[in-house]
PDB file of N, CA and C in Angstrom:
ATOM      1  N   MET A   1     -48.782  18.306  47.023  1.00  0.00           N
ATOM      2  CA  MET A   1     -49.306  18.766  48.295  1.00  0.00           C
ATOM      3  C   MET A   1     -49.975  17.609  49.021  1.00  0.00           C
ATOM      4  N   TYR A   2     -49.740  17.539  50.305  1.00  0.00           N
ATOM      5  CA  TYR A   2     -50.341  16.518  51.161  1.00  0.00           C
ATOM      6  C   TYR A   2     -51.344  17.163  52.106  1.00  0.00           C
ATOM      7  N   GLN A   3     -52.260  16.333  52.589  1.00  0.00           N
ATOM      8  CA  GLN A   3     -53.186  16.786  53.628  1.00  0.00           C
ATOM      9  C   GLN A   3     -53.077  15.863  54.819  1.00  0.00           C
ATOM     10  N   LEU A   4     -53.015  16.479  55.997  1.00  0.00           N
ATOM     11  CA  LEU A   4     -52.976  15.767  57.265  1.00  0.00           C
ATOM     12  C   LEU A   4     -54.264  16.095  58.008  1.00  0.00           C
ATOM     13  N   HIS A   5     -55.012  15.072  58.394  1.00  0.00           N
ATOM     14  CA  HIS A   5     -56.235  15.259  59.183  1.00  0.00           C
ATOM     15  C   HIS A   5     -55.993  14.587  60.528  1.00  0.00           C
ATOM     16  N   CYS A   6     -56.146  15.361  61.609  1.00  0.00           N
ATOM     17  CA  CYS A   6     -55.883  14.841  62.956  1.00  0.00           C
ATOM     18  C   CYS A   6     -57.063  15.086  63.882  1.00  0.00           C
ATOM     19  N   ILE A   7     -57.254  14.168  64.801  1.00  0.00           N
ATOM     20  CA  ILE A   7     -58.122  14.359  65.955  1.00  0.00           C
ATOM     21  C   ILE A   7     -57.203  14.254  67.168  1.00  0.00           C
ATOM     22  N   VAL A   8     -57.114  15.339  67.935  1.00  0.00           N
ATOM     23  CA  VAL A   8     -56.210  15.404  69.076  1.00  0.00           C
ATOM     24  C   VAL A   8     -57.040  15.337  70.349  1.00  0.00           C
ATOM     25  N   SER A   9     -56.713  14.393  71.222  1.00  0.00           N
ATOM     26  CA  SER A   9     -57.476  14.217  72.455  1.00  0.00           C
ATOM     27  C   SER A   9     -56.610  14.534  73.664  1.00  0.00           C
ATOM     28  N   GLY A  10     -57.277  14.721  74.790  1.00  0.00           N
ATOM     29  CA  GLY A  10     -56.614  15.080  76.038  1.00  0.00           C
ATOM     30  C   GLY A  10     -57.181  16.392  76.550  1.00  0.00           C
ATOM     31  N   ARG A  11     -56.372  17.115  77.315  1.00  0.00           N
ATOM     32  CA  ARG A  11     -56.796  18.445  77.765  1.00  0.00           C
ATOM     33  C   ARG A  11     -56.319  19.439  76.706  1.00  0.00           C
ATOM     34  N   VAL A  12     -57.168  19.626  75.690  1.00  0.00           N
ATOM     35  CA  VAL A  12     -56.795  20.457  74.544  1.00  0.00           C
ATOM     36  C   VAL A  12     -57.816  21.565  74.272  1.00  0.00           C
ATOM     37  N   GLN A  13     -58.806  21.700  75.135  1.00  0.00           N
ATOM     38  CA  GLN A  13     -59.745  22.816  75.022  1.00  0.00           C
ATOM     39  C   GLN A  13     -59.608  23.677  76.265  1.00  0.00           C
ATOM     40  N   GLY A  14     -59.684  24.993  76.057  1.00  0.00           N
ATOM     41  CA  GLY A  14     -59.559  25.921  77.177  1.00  0.00           C
ATOM     42  C   GLY A  14     -58.122  26.181  77.612  1.00  0.00           C
ATOM     43  N   VAL A  15     -57.165  25.787  76.792  1.00  0.00           N
ATOM     44  CA  VAL A  15     -55.742  25.964  77.134  1.00  0.00           C
ATOM     45  C   VAL A  15     -54.968  26.651  75.999  1.00  0.00           C
ATOM     46  N   ALA A  16     -55.672  27.362  75.121  1.00  0.00           N
ATOM     47  CA  ALA A  16     -55.086  28.071  73.971  1.00  0.00           C
ATOM     48  C   ALA A  16     -54.462  27.125  72.953  1.00  0.00           C
ATOM     49  N   TYR A  17     -54.974  25.897  72.890  1.00  0.00           N
ATOM     50  CA  TYR A  17     -54.420  24.917  71.953  1.00  0.00           C
ATOM     51  C   TYR A  17     -54.644  25.338  70.503  1.00  0.00           C
ATOM     52  N   ARG A  18     -55.847  25.815  70.187  1.00  0.00           N
ATOM     53  CA  ARG A  18     -56.131  26.197  68.798  1.00  0.00           C
ATOM     54  C   ARG A  18     -55.234  27.351  68.346  1.00  0.00           C
ATOM     55  N   ALA A  19     -55.030  28.341  69.193  1.00  0.00           N
ATOM     56  CA  ALA A  19     -54.149  29.463  68.840  1.00  0.00           C
ATOM     57  C   ALA A  19     -52.711  28.978  68.652  1.00  0.00           C
ATOM     58  N   PHE A  20     -52.281  28.047  69.502  1.00  0.00           N
ATOM     59  CA  PHE A  20     -50.954  27.443  69.388  1.00  0.00           C
ATOM     60  C   PHE A  20     -50.787  26.775  68.022  1.00  0.00           C
ATOM     61  N   VAL A  21     -51.777  25.971  67.635  1.00  0.00           N
ATOM     62  CA  VAL A  21     -51.726  25.262  66.347  1.00  0.00           C
ATOM     63  C   VAL A  21     -51.725  26.259  65.196  1.00  0.00           C
ATOM     64  N   GLN A  22     -52.580  27.271  65.276  1.00  0.00           N
ATOM     65  CA  GLN A  22     -52.643  28.274  64.214  1.00  0.00           C
ATOM     66  C   GLN A  22     -51.311  29.004  64.059  1.00  0.00           C
ATOM     67  N   ASN A  23     -50.688  29.403  65.152  1.00  0.00           N
ATOM     68  CA  ASN A  23     -49.399  30.105  65.082  1.00  0.00           C
ATOM     69  C   ASN A  23     -48.323  29.255  64.434  1.00  0.00           C
ATOM     70  N   ILE A  24     -48.260  27.995  64.812  1.00  0.00           N
ATOM     71  CA  ILE A  24     -47.261  27.100  64.206  1.00  0.00           C
ATOM     72  C   ILE A  24     -47.538  26.913  62.724  1.00  0.00           C
ATOM     73  N   ALA A  25     -48.805  26.695  62.389  1.00  0.00           N
ATOM     74  CA  ALA A  25     -49.171  26.497  60.980  1.00  0.00           C
ATOM     75  C   ALA A  25     -48.792  27.715  60.144  1.00  0.00           C
ATOM     76  N   ARG A  26     -49.091  28.891  60.638  1.00  0.00           N
ATOM     77  CA  ARG A  26     -48.766  30.110  59.895  1.00  0.00           C
ATOM     78  C   ARG A  26     -47.256  30.287  59.764  1.00  0.00           C
ATOM     79  N   ASP A  27     -46.517  30.005  60.832  1.00  0.00           N
ATOM     80  CA  ASP A  27     -45.053  30.094  60.776  1.00  0.00           C
ATOM     81  C   ASP A  27     -44.473  29.122  59.751  1.00  0.00           C
ATOM     82  N   MET A  28     -45.115  27.957  59.614  1.00  0.00           N
ATOM     83  CA  MET A  28     -44.620  26.924  58.703  1.00  0.00           C
ATOM     84  C   MET A  28     -45.255  27.002  57.314  1.00  0.00           C
ATOM     85  N   ARG A  29     -46.100  28.014  57.107  1.00  0.00           N
ATOM     86  CA  ARG A  29     -46.781  28.230  55.829  1.00  0.00           C
ATOM     87  C   ARG A  29     -47.680  27.047  55.440  1.00  0.00           C
ATOM     88  N   ILE A  30     -48.397  26.548  56.428  1.00  0.00           N
ATOM     89  CA  ILE A  30     -49.348  25.453  56.256  1.00  0.00           C
ATOM     90  C   ILE A  30     -50.744  26.062  56.196  1.00  0.00           C
ATOM     91  N   THR A  31     -51.596  25.527  55.340  1.00  0.00           N
ATOM     92  CA  THR A  31     -52.979  25.990  55.257  1.00  0.00           C
ATOM     93  C   THR A  31     -53.907  24.950  55.868  1.00  0.00           C
ATOM     94  N   GLY A  32     -55.129  25.384  56.226  1.00  0.00           N
ATOM     95  CA  GLY A  32     -56.116  24.468  56.783  1.00  0.00           C
ATOM     96  C   GLY A  32     -56.904  25.117  57.887  1.00  0.00           C
ATOM     97  N   PHE A  33     -57.248  24.324  58.909  1.00  0.00           N
ATOM     98  CA  PHE A  33     -58.025  24.858  60.027  1.00  0.00           C
ATOM     99  C   PHE A  33     -57.844  24.003  61.272  1.00  0.00           C
ATOM    100  N   VAL A  34     -58.242  24.570  62.407  1.00  0.00           N
ATOM    101  CA  VAL A  34     -58.283  23.864  63.686  1.00  0.00           C
ATOM    102  C   VAL A  34     -59.619  24.203  64.331  1.00  0.00           C
ATOM    103  N   ALA A  35     -60.276  23.206  64.938  1.00  0.00           N
ATOM    104  CA  ALA A  35     -61.605  23.423  65.513  1.00  0.00           C
ATOM    105  C   ALA A  35     -61.827  22.529  66.726  1.00  0.00           C
ATOM    106  N   ASN A  36     -62.525  23.072  67.730  1.00  0.00           N
ATOM    107  CA  ASN A  36     -62.955  22.256  68.867  1.00  0.00           C
ATOM    108  C   ASN A  36     -64.079  21.329  68.425  1.00  0.00           C
ATOM    109  N   LEU A  37     -64.097  20.136  68.986  1.00  0.00           N
ATOM    110  CA  LEU A  37     -65.185  19.186  68.741  1.00  0.00           C
ATOM    111  C   LEU A  37     -66.013  19.033  70.014  1.00  0.00           C
ATOM    112  N   PRO A  38     -67.280  18.661  69.874  1.00  0.00           N
ATOM    113  CA  PRO A  38     -68.166  18.561  71.039  1.00  0.00           C
ATOM    114  C   PRO A  38     -67.685  17.588  72.124  1.00  0.00           C
ATOM    115  N   ASP A  39     -66.896  16.579  71.761  1.00  0.00           N
ATOM    116  CA  ASP A  39     -66.453  15.586  72.742  1.00  0.00           C
ATOM    117  C   ASP A  39     -65.226  16.027  73.539  1.00  0.00           C
ATOM    118  N   GLY A  40     -64.754  17.264  73.318  1.00  0.00           N
ATOM    119  CA  GLY A  40     -63.585  17.770  74.044  1.00  0.00           C
ATOM    120  C   GLY A  40     -62.277  17.629  73.290  1.00  0.00           C
ATOM    121  N   SER A  41     -62.299  16.968  72.145  1.00  0.00           N
ATOM    122  CA  SER A  41     -61.093  16.840  71.333  1.00  0.00           C
ATOM    123  C   SER A  41     -61.012  18.009  70.350  1.00  0.00           C
ATOM    124  N   VAL A  42     -59.932  18.048  69.585  1.00  0.00           N
ATOM    125  CA  VAL A  42     -59.714  19.112  68.608  1.00  0.00           C
ATOM    126  C   VAL A  42     -59.414  18.468  67.256  1.00  0.00           C
ATOM    127  N   GLU A  43     -60.020  19.014  66.209  1.00  0.00           N
ATOM    128  CA  GLU A  43     -59.774  18.559  64.842  1.00  0.00           C
ATOM    129  C   GLU A  43     -58.806  19.510  64.167  1.00  0.00           C
ATOM    130  N   VAL A  44     -57.842  18.953  63.442  1.00  0.00           N
ATOM    131  CA  VAL A  44     -56.877  19.744  62.685  1.00  0.00           C
ATOM    132  C   VAL A  44     -56.833  19.201  61.259  1.00  0.00           C
ATOM    133  N   VAL A  45     -56.990  20.087  60.293  1.00  0.00           N
ATOM    134  CA  VAL A  45     -56.767  19.750  58.886  1.00  0.00           C
ATOM    135  C   VAL A  45     -55.664  20.670  58.405  1.00  0.00           C
ATOM    136  N   ALA A  46     -54.573  20.083  57.919  1.00  0.00           N
ATOM    137  CA  ALA A  46     -53.406  20.856  57.500  1.00  0.00           C
ATOM    138  C   ALA A  46     -52.938  20.394  56.135  1.00  0.00           C
ATOM    139  N   GLN A  47     -52.551  21.356  55.288  1.00  0.00           N
ATOM    140  CA  GLN A  47     -52.079  21.043  53.948  1.00  0.00           C
ATOM    141  C   GLN A  47     -50.728  21.695  53.704  1.00  0.00           C
ATOM    142  N   GLY A  48     -49.842  20.933  53.067  1.00  0.00           N
ATOM    143  CA  GLY A  48     -48.512  21.450  52.761  1.00  0.00           C
ATOM    144  C   GLY A  48     -47.612  20.328  52.273  1.00  0.00           C
ATOM    145  N   GLU A  49     -46.320  20.585  52.280  1.00  0.00           N
ATOM    146  CA  GLU A  49     -45.339  19.582  51.886  1.00  0.00           C
ATOM    147  C   GLU A  49     -45.241  18.496  52.957  1.00  0.00           C
ATOM    148  N   TYR A  50     -44.990  17.268  52.536  1.00  0.00           N
ATOM    149  CA  TYR A  50     -44.986  16.132  53.453  1.00  0.00           C
ATOM    150  C   TYR A  50     -44.019  16.334  54.626  1.00  0.00           C
ATOM    151  N   GLY A  51     -42.788  16.705  54.350  1.00  0.00           N
ATOM    152  CA  GLY A  51     -41.797  16.864  55.414  1.00  0.00           C
ATOM    153  C   GLY A  51     -42.166  17.958  56.404  1.00  0.00           C
ATOM    154  N   VAL A  52     -42.745  19.025  55.911  1.00  0.00           N
ATOM    155  CA  VAL A  52     -43.180  20.124  56.774  1.00  0.00           C
ATOM    156  C   VAL A  52     -44.325  19.655  57.666  1.00  0.00           C
ATOM    157  N   LEU A  53     -45.256  18.907  57.095  1.00  0.00           N
ATOM    158  CA  LEU A  53     -46.392  18.396  57.879  1.00  0.00           C
ATOM    159  C   LEU A  53     -45.945  17.407  58.948  1.00  0.00           C
ATOM    160  N   LYS A  54     -44.905  16.636  58.674  1.00  0.00           N
ATOM    161  CA  LYS A  54     -44.388  15.708  59.692  1.00  0.00           C
ATOM    162  C   LYS A  54     -43.860  16.473  60.908  1.00  0.00           C
ATOM    163  N   VAL A  55     -43.147  17.560  60.682  1.00  0.00           N
ATOM    164  CA  VAL A  55     -42.649  18.391  61.775  1.00  0.00           C
ATOM    165  C   VAL A  55     -43.822  19.060  62.496  1.00  0.00           C
ATOM    166  N   PHE A  56     -44.793  19.549  61.740  1.00  0.00           N
ATOM    167  CA  PHE A  56     -46.003  20.147  62.311  1.00  0.00           C
ATOM    168  C   PHE A  56     -46.709  19.165  63.239  1.00  0.00           C
ATOM    169  N   LEU A  57     -46.819  17.915  62.804  1.00  0.00           N
ATOM    170  CA  LEU A  57     -47.464  16.873  63.608  1.00  0.00           C
ATOM    171  C   LEU A  57     -46.743  16.681  64.948  1.00  0.00           C
ATOM    172  N   GLN A  58     -45.430  16.748  64.939  1.00  0.00           N
ATOM    173  CA  GLN A  58     -44.669  16.631  66.186  1.00  0.00           C
ATOM    174  C   GLN A  58     -45.009  17.765  67.148  1.00  0.00           C
ATOM    175  N   HIS A  59     -45.165  18.971  66.610  1.00  0.00           N
ATOM    176  CA  HIS A  59     -45.516  20.124  67.448  1.00  0.00           C
ATOM    177  C   HIS A  59     -46.914  19.981  68.042  1.00  0.00           C
ATOM    178  N   ILE A  60     -47.892  19.604  67.216  1.00  0.00           N
ATOM    179  CA  ILE A  60     -49.259  19.538  67.735  1.00  0.00           C
ATOM    180  C   ILE A  60     -49.446  18.353  68.680  1.00  0.00           C
ATOM    181  N   ALA A  61     -48.603  17.343  68.553  1.00  0.00           N
ATOM    182  CA  ALA A  61     -48.671  16.207  69.478  1.00  0.00           C
ATOM    183  C   ALA A  61     -48.160  16.588  70.864  1.00  0.00           C
ATOM    184  N   LYS A  62     -47.377  17.643  70.925  1.00  0.00           N
ATOM    185  CA  LYS A  62     -46.882  18.130  72.214  1.00  0.00           C
ATOM    186  C   LYS A  62     -47.834  19.173  72.790  1.00  0.00           C
ATOM    187  N   GLY A  63     -48.229  20.161  71.990  1.00  0.00           N
ATOM    188  CA  GLY A  63     -49.149  21.200  72.425  1.00  0.00           C
ATOM    189  C   GLY A  63     -48.475  22.277  73.241  1.00  0.00           C
ATOM    190  N   PRO A  64     -49.250  23.309  73.622  1.00  0.00           N
ATOM    191  CA  PRO A  64     -48.710  24.391  74.439  1.00  0.00           C
ATOM    192  C   PRO A  64     -48.546  23.962  75.887  1.00  0.00           C
ATOM    193  N   ALA A  65     -47.976  24.828  76.699  1.00  0.00           N
ATOM    194  CA  ALA A  65     -47.642  24.505  78.096  1.00  0.00           C
ATOM    195  C   ALA A  65     -48.836  24.002  78.902  1.00  0.00           C
ATOM    196  N   GLY A  66     -50.022  24.556  78.731  1.00  0.00           N
ATOM    197  CA  GLY A  66     -51.178  24.155  79.533  1.00  0.00           C
ATOM    198  C   GLY A  66     -51.911  22.929  79.051  1.00  0.00           C
ATOM    199  N   ALA A  67     -51.554  22.433  77.887  1.00  0.00           N
ATOM    200  CA  ALA A  67     -52.261  21.287  77.301  1.00  0.00           C
ATOM    201  C   ALA A  67     -51.645  19.968  77.756  1.00  0.00           C
ATOM    202  N   VAL A  68     -52.468  18.927  77.741  1.00  0.00           N
ATOM    203  CA  VAL A  68     -52.001  17.561  77.963  1.00  0.00           C
ATOM    204  C   VAL A  68     -52.582  16.709  76.836  1.00  0.00           C
ATOM    205  N   VAL A  69     -51.760  16.426  75.832  1.00  0.00           N
ATOM    206  CA  VAL A  69     -52.195  15.633  74.691  1.00  0.00           C
ATOM    207  C   VAL A  69     -52.035  14.162  75.047  1.00  0.00           C
ATOM    208  N   THR A  70     -53.140  13.425  75.000  1.00  0.00           N
ATOM    209  CA  THR A  70     -53.089  11.996  75.334  1.00  0.00           C
ATOM    210  C   THR A  70     -53.192  11.104  74.105  1.00  0.00           C
ATOM    211  N   GLY A  71     -53.564  11.674  72.968  1.00  0.00           N
ATOM    212  CA  GLY A  71     -53.658  10.883  71.756  1.00  0.00           C
ATOM    213  C   GLY A  71     -53.800  11.753  70.527  1.00  0.00           C
ATOM    214  N   VAL A  72     -53.232  11.275  69.412  1.00  0.00           N
ATOM    215  CA  VAL A  72     -53.372  11.957  68.133  1.00  0.00           C
ATOM    216  C   VAL A  72     -53.672  10.898  67.086  1.00  0.00           C
ATOM    217  N   TYR A  73     -54.875  10.968  66.540  1.00  0.00           N
ATOM    218  CA  TYR A  73     -55.225  10.124  65.395  1.00  0.00           C
ATOM    219  C   TYR A  73     -54.860  10.922  64.158  1.00  0.00           C
ATOM    220  N   ASP A  74     -54.039  10.372  63.271  1.00  0.00           N
ATOM    221  CA  ASP A  74     -53.674  11.090  62.056  1.00  0.00           C
ATOM    222  C   ASP A  74     -53.974  10.257  60.818  1.00  0.00           C
ATOM    223  N   ASP A  75     -54.446  10.958  59.793  1.00  0.00           N
ATOM    224  CA  ASP A  75     -54.809  10.352  58.512  1.00  0.00           C
ATOM    225  C   ASP A  75     -54.208  11.233  57.414  1.00  0.00           C
ATOM    226  N   TRP A  76     -53.520  10.608  56.479  1.00  0.00           N
ATOM    227  CA  TRP A  76     -52.812  11.327  55.428  1.00  0.00           C
ATOM    228  C   TRP A  76     -53.463  11.106  54.072  1.00  0.00           C
ATOM    229  N   SER A  77     -53.411  12.153  53.231  1.00  0.00           N
ATOM    230  CA  SER A  77     -53.930  12.069  51.872  1.00  0.00           C
ATOM    231  C   SER A  77     -52.987  12.826  50.943  1.00  0.00           C
ATOM    232  N   GLU A  78     -52.747  12.257  49.765  1.00  0.00           N
ATOM    233  CA  GLU A  78     -51.885  12.930  48.795  1.00  0.00           C
ATOM    234  C   GLU A  78     -52.654  13.907  47.925  1.00  0.00           C
ATOM    235  N   GLU A  79     -53.974  13.733  47.831  1.00  0.00           N
ATOM    236  CA  GLU A  79     -54.777  14.600  46.974  1.00  0.00           C
ATOM    237  C   GLU A  79     -55.970  15.135  47.750  1.00  0.00           C
ATOM    238  N   PRO A  80     -55.821  16.309  48.369  1.00  0.00           N
ATOM    239  CA  PRO A  80     -56.933  16.893  49.114  1.00  0.00           C
ATOM    240  C   PRO A  80     -58.121  17.193  48.205  1.00  0.00           C
ATOM    241  N   GLU A  81     -59.334  16.986  48.717  1.00  0.00           N
ATOM    242  CA  GLU A  81     -60.541  17.292  47.954  1.00  0.00           C
ATOM    243  C   GLU A  81     -60.777  18.794  47.901  1.00  0.00           C
ATOM    244  N   LYS A  82     -60.363  19.503  48.938  1.00  0.00           N
ATOM    245  CA  LYS A  82     -60.550  20.944  49.039  1.00  0.00           C
ATOM    246  C   LYS A  82     -59.228  21.560  49.453  1.00  0.00           C
ATOM    247  N   THR A  83     -58.920  22.753  48.954  1.00  0.00           N
ATOM    248  CA  THR A  83     -57.708  23.447  49.382  1.00  0.00           C
ATOM    249  C   THR A  83     -58.092  24.707  50.162  1.00  0.00           C
ATOM    250  N   TYR A  84     -57.192  25.148  51.008  1.00  0.00           N
ATOM    251  CA  TYR A  84     -57.426  26.290  51.893  1.00  0.00           C
ATOM    252  C   TYR A  84     -56.437  27.403  51.559  1.00  0.00           C
ATOM    253  N   GLU A  85     -56.866  28.638  51.790  1.00  0.00           N
ATOM    254  CA  GLU A  85     -56.023  29.804  51.500  1.00  0.00           C
ATOM    255  C   GLU A  85     -55.107  30.155  52.681  1.00  0.00           C
ATOM    256  N   GLY A  86     -55.618  30.043  53.897  1.00  0.00           N
ATOM    257  CA  GLY A  86     -54.850  30.364  55.090  1.00  0.00           C
ATOM    258  C   GLY A  86     -55.033  29.271  56.128  1.00  0.00           C
ATOM    259  N   PHE A  87     -54.791  29.585  57.385  1.00  0.00           N
ATOM    260  CA  PHE A  87     -55.019  28.621  58.465  1.00  0.00           C
ATOM    261  C   PHE A  87     -55.905  29.290  59.496  1.00  0.00           C
ATOM    262  N   ASP A  88     -57.127  28.779  59.634  1.00  0.00           N
ATOM    263  CA  ASP A  88     -58.149  29.424  60.452  1.00  0.00           C
ATOM    264  C   ASP A  88     -58.489  28.630  61.695  1.00  0.00           C
ATOM    265  N   ILE A  89     -58.960  29.360  62.699  1.00  0.00           N
ATOM    266  CA  ILE A  89     -59.576  28.759  63.882  1.00  0.00           C
ATOM    267  C   ILE A  89     -61.075  28.783  63.648  1.00  0.00           C
ATOM    268  N   LEU A  90     -61.700  27.625  63.701  1.00  0.00           N
ATOM    269  CA  LEU A  90     -63.152  27.543  63.511  1.00  0.00           C
ATOM    270  C   LEU A  90     -63.846  27.382  64.833  1.00  0.00           C
TER     271      LEU A  90
END
């Protein structure tokens, strides 16, 4: 299992971005969470198979129709310190 940690910047708050990420994660059977950050960016922690997470990353880099993603910082780990049961919006 791999873990993907992302900070997504741009117009990603107030445009249903977190719900978009959660729906994709659930469809792809990815666990983790998505949360707004005080600076206007969004944090995503996702766990699953490497190939599935790569496709997931492509989706979140695009975002829903109302979002404008200007940057995605991604960090990968092969051994997550914590595991998640589902995919939550925090």
